[in-house]
C-alpha atoms as a PDB file:
ATOM      1  CA  UNK A   1      84.561  91.387  85.755  1.00  0.00           C
ATOM      2  CA  UNK A   2      84.839  94.869  84.216  1.00  0.00           C
ATOM      3  CA  UNK A   3      81.572  94.435  82.307  1.00  0.00           C
ATOM      4  CA  UNK A   4      79.804  93.376  85.502  1.00  0.00           C
ATOM      5  CA  UNK A   5      81.277  96.336  87.432  1.00  0.00           C
ATOM      6  CA  UNK A   6      80.200  98.705  84.649  1.00  0.00           C
ATOM      7  CA  UNK A   7      76.656  97.298  84.857  1.00  0.00           C
ATOM      8  CA  UNK A   8      76.532  97.700  88.654  1.00  0.00           C
ATOM      9  CA  UNK A   9      78.114 101.153  88.481  1.00  0.00           C
ATOM     10  CA  UNK A  10      75.715 102.418  85.888  1.00  0.00           C
ATOM     11  CA  UNK A  11      72.675 100.999  87.610  1.00  0.00           C
ATOM     12  CA  UNK A  12      71.765  98.603  84.812  1.00  0.00           C
ATOM     13  CA  UNK A  13      72.782  95.663  86.992  1.00  0.00           C
ATOM     14  CA  UNK A  14      72.432  95.033  90.698  1.00  0.00           C
ATOM     15  CA  UNK A  15      74.930  93.744  93.232  1.00  0.00           C
ATOM     16  CA  UNK A  16      72.806  90.600  93.378  1.00  0.00           C
ATOM     17  CA  UNK A  17      73.325  90.098  89.643  1.00  0.00           C
ATOM     18  CA  UNK A  18      77.067  90.757  89.723  1.00  0.00           C
ATOM     19  CA  UNK A  19      78.162  87.228  90.683  1.00  0.00           C
ATOM     20  CA  UNK A  20      75.888  85.715  88.022  1.00  0.00           C
ATOM     21  CA  UNK A  21      77.302  88.073  85.391  1.00  0.00           C
ATOM     22  CA  UNK A  22      80.917  87.275  86.348  1.00  0.00           C
ATOM     23  CA  UNK A  23      80.154  83.515  86.467  1.00  0.00           C
ATOM     24  CA  UNK A  24      78.570  83.675  83.009  1.00  0.00           C
ATOM     25  CA  UNK A  25      81.600  85.512  81.634  1.00  0.00           C
ATOM     26  CA  UNK A  26      84.024  82.977  83.153  1.00  0.00           C
ATOM     27  CA  UNK A  27      81.950  80.112  81.764  1.00  0.00           C
ATOM     28  CA  UNK A  28      81.975  81.709  78.320  1.00  0.00           C
ATOM     29  CA  UNK A  29      85.759  81.468  78.276  1.00  0.00           C
ATOM     30  CA  UNK A  30      85.837  78.021  80.010  1.00  0.00           C
ATOM     31  CA  UNK A  31      87.507  79.469  83.115  1.00  0.00           C
ATOM     32  CA  UNK A  32      86.748  77.283  86.093  1.00  0.00           C
ATOM     33  CA  UNK A  33      86.817  79.739  89.003  1.00  0.00           C
ATOM     34  CA  UNK A  34      84.128  80.840  91.403  1.00  0.00           C
ATOM     35  CA  UNK A  35      84.355  84.087  93.325  1.00  0.00           C
ATOM     36  CA  UNK A  36      83.286  84.238  96.929  1.00  0.00           C
ATOM     37  CA  UNK A  37      82.007  87.753  97.638  1.00  0.00           C
ATOM     38  CA  UNK A  38      78.845  89.203  99.052  1.00  0.00           C
ATOM     39  CA  UNK A  39      76.672  92.191  98.077  1.00  0.00           C
ATOM     40  CA  UNK A  40      78.668  94.575 100.321  1.00  0.00           C
ATOM     41  CA  UNK A  41      81.879  93.494  98.543  1.00  0.00           C
ATOM     42  CA  UNK A  42      80.264  94.112  95.179  1.00  0.00           C
ATOM     43  CA  UNK A  43      79.069  97.599  96.214  1.00  0.00           C
ATOM     44  CA  UNK A  44      82.585  98.370  97.464  1.00  0.00           C
ATOM     45  CA  UNK A  45      84.157  97.110  94.226  1.00  0.00           C
ATOM     46  CA  UNK A  46      81.755  99.201  92.144  1.00  0.00           C
ATOM     47  CA  UNK A  47      82.640 102.274  94.164  1.00  0.00           C
ATOM     48  CA  UNK A  48      86.329 101.625  93.718  1.00  0.00           C
ATOM     49  CA  UNK A  49      85.772 101.083  90.023  1.00  0.00           C
ATOM     50  CA  UNK A  50      83.906 104.357  89.624  1.00  0.00           C
ATOM     51  CA  UNK A  51      86.678 106.202  91.482  1.00  0.00           C
ATOM     52  CA  UNK A  52      89.344 104.662  89.263  1.00  0.00           C
ATOM     53  CA  UNK A  53      87.414 105.641  86.154  1.00  0.00           C
ATOM     54  CA  UNK A  54      86.963 109.169  87.505  1.00  0.00           C
ATOM     55  CA  UNK A  55      90.734 109.428  88.068  1.00  0.00           C
ATOM     56  CA  UNK A  56      91.432 108.069  84.585  1.00  0.00           C
ATOM     57  CA  UNK A  57      89.073 110.576  82.965  1.00  0.00           C
ATOM     58  CA  UNK A  58      90.680 113.536  84.757  1.00  0.00           C
ATOM     59  CA  UNK A  59      94.331 112.607  84.048  1.00  0.00           C
ATOM     60  CA  UNK A  60      96.300 115.227  82.191  1.00  0.00           C
ATOM     61  CA  UNK A  61      97.403 114.041  78.749  1.00  0.00           C
ATOM     62  CA  UNK A  62     100.589 111.979  78.952  1.00  0.00           C
ATOM     63  CA  UNK A  63     100.087 111.016  82.625  1.00  0.00           C
ATOM     64  CA  UNK A  64      99.207 107.525  83.784  1.00  0.00           C
ATOM     65  CA  UNK A  65      97.857 105.595  86.700  1.00  0.00           C
ATOM     66  CA  UNK A  66      99.831 102.872  88.460  1.00  0.00           C
ATOM     67  CA  UNK A  67      97.730 100.049  89.842  1.00  0.00           C
ATOM     68  CA  UNK A  68      98.954  97.695  92.589  1.00  0.00           C
ATOM     69  CA  UNK A  69      97.475  94.177  92.645  1.00  0.00           C
ATOM     70  CA  UNK A  70      98.744  92.371  95.753  1.00  0.00           C
ATOM     71  CA  UNK A  71      98.383  88.620  95.321  1.00  0.00           C
ATOM     72  CA  UNK A  72      98.918  87.328  98.869  1.00  0.00           C
ATOM     73  CA  UNK A  73      95.151  86.807  99.323  1.00  0.00           C
ATOM     74  CA  UNK A  74      94.470  85.193  95.975  1.00  0.00           C
ATOM     75  CA  UNK A  75      93.576  81.506  96.039  1.00  0.00           C
END
């Protein structure tokens, strides 16, 4: 998913292409999972990804970022 978000975030891939890129990546590793998101979700994800990268790049040396991944909505 990171590769697909990088592509969308950089402009080399579109939100329309995101699901196809993720599906291809999952297939490559024989992971049987299909994501159910729309273009607005992809655009939101790409924005969150860019913001996370911006924060990472501006961290003072020795600091870190803590990420929270709630799983209650995962199927």
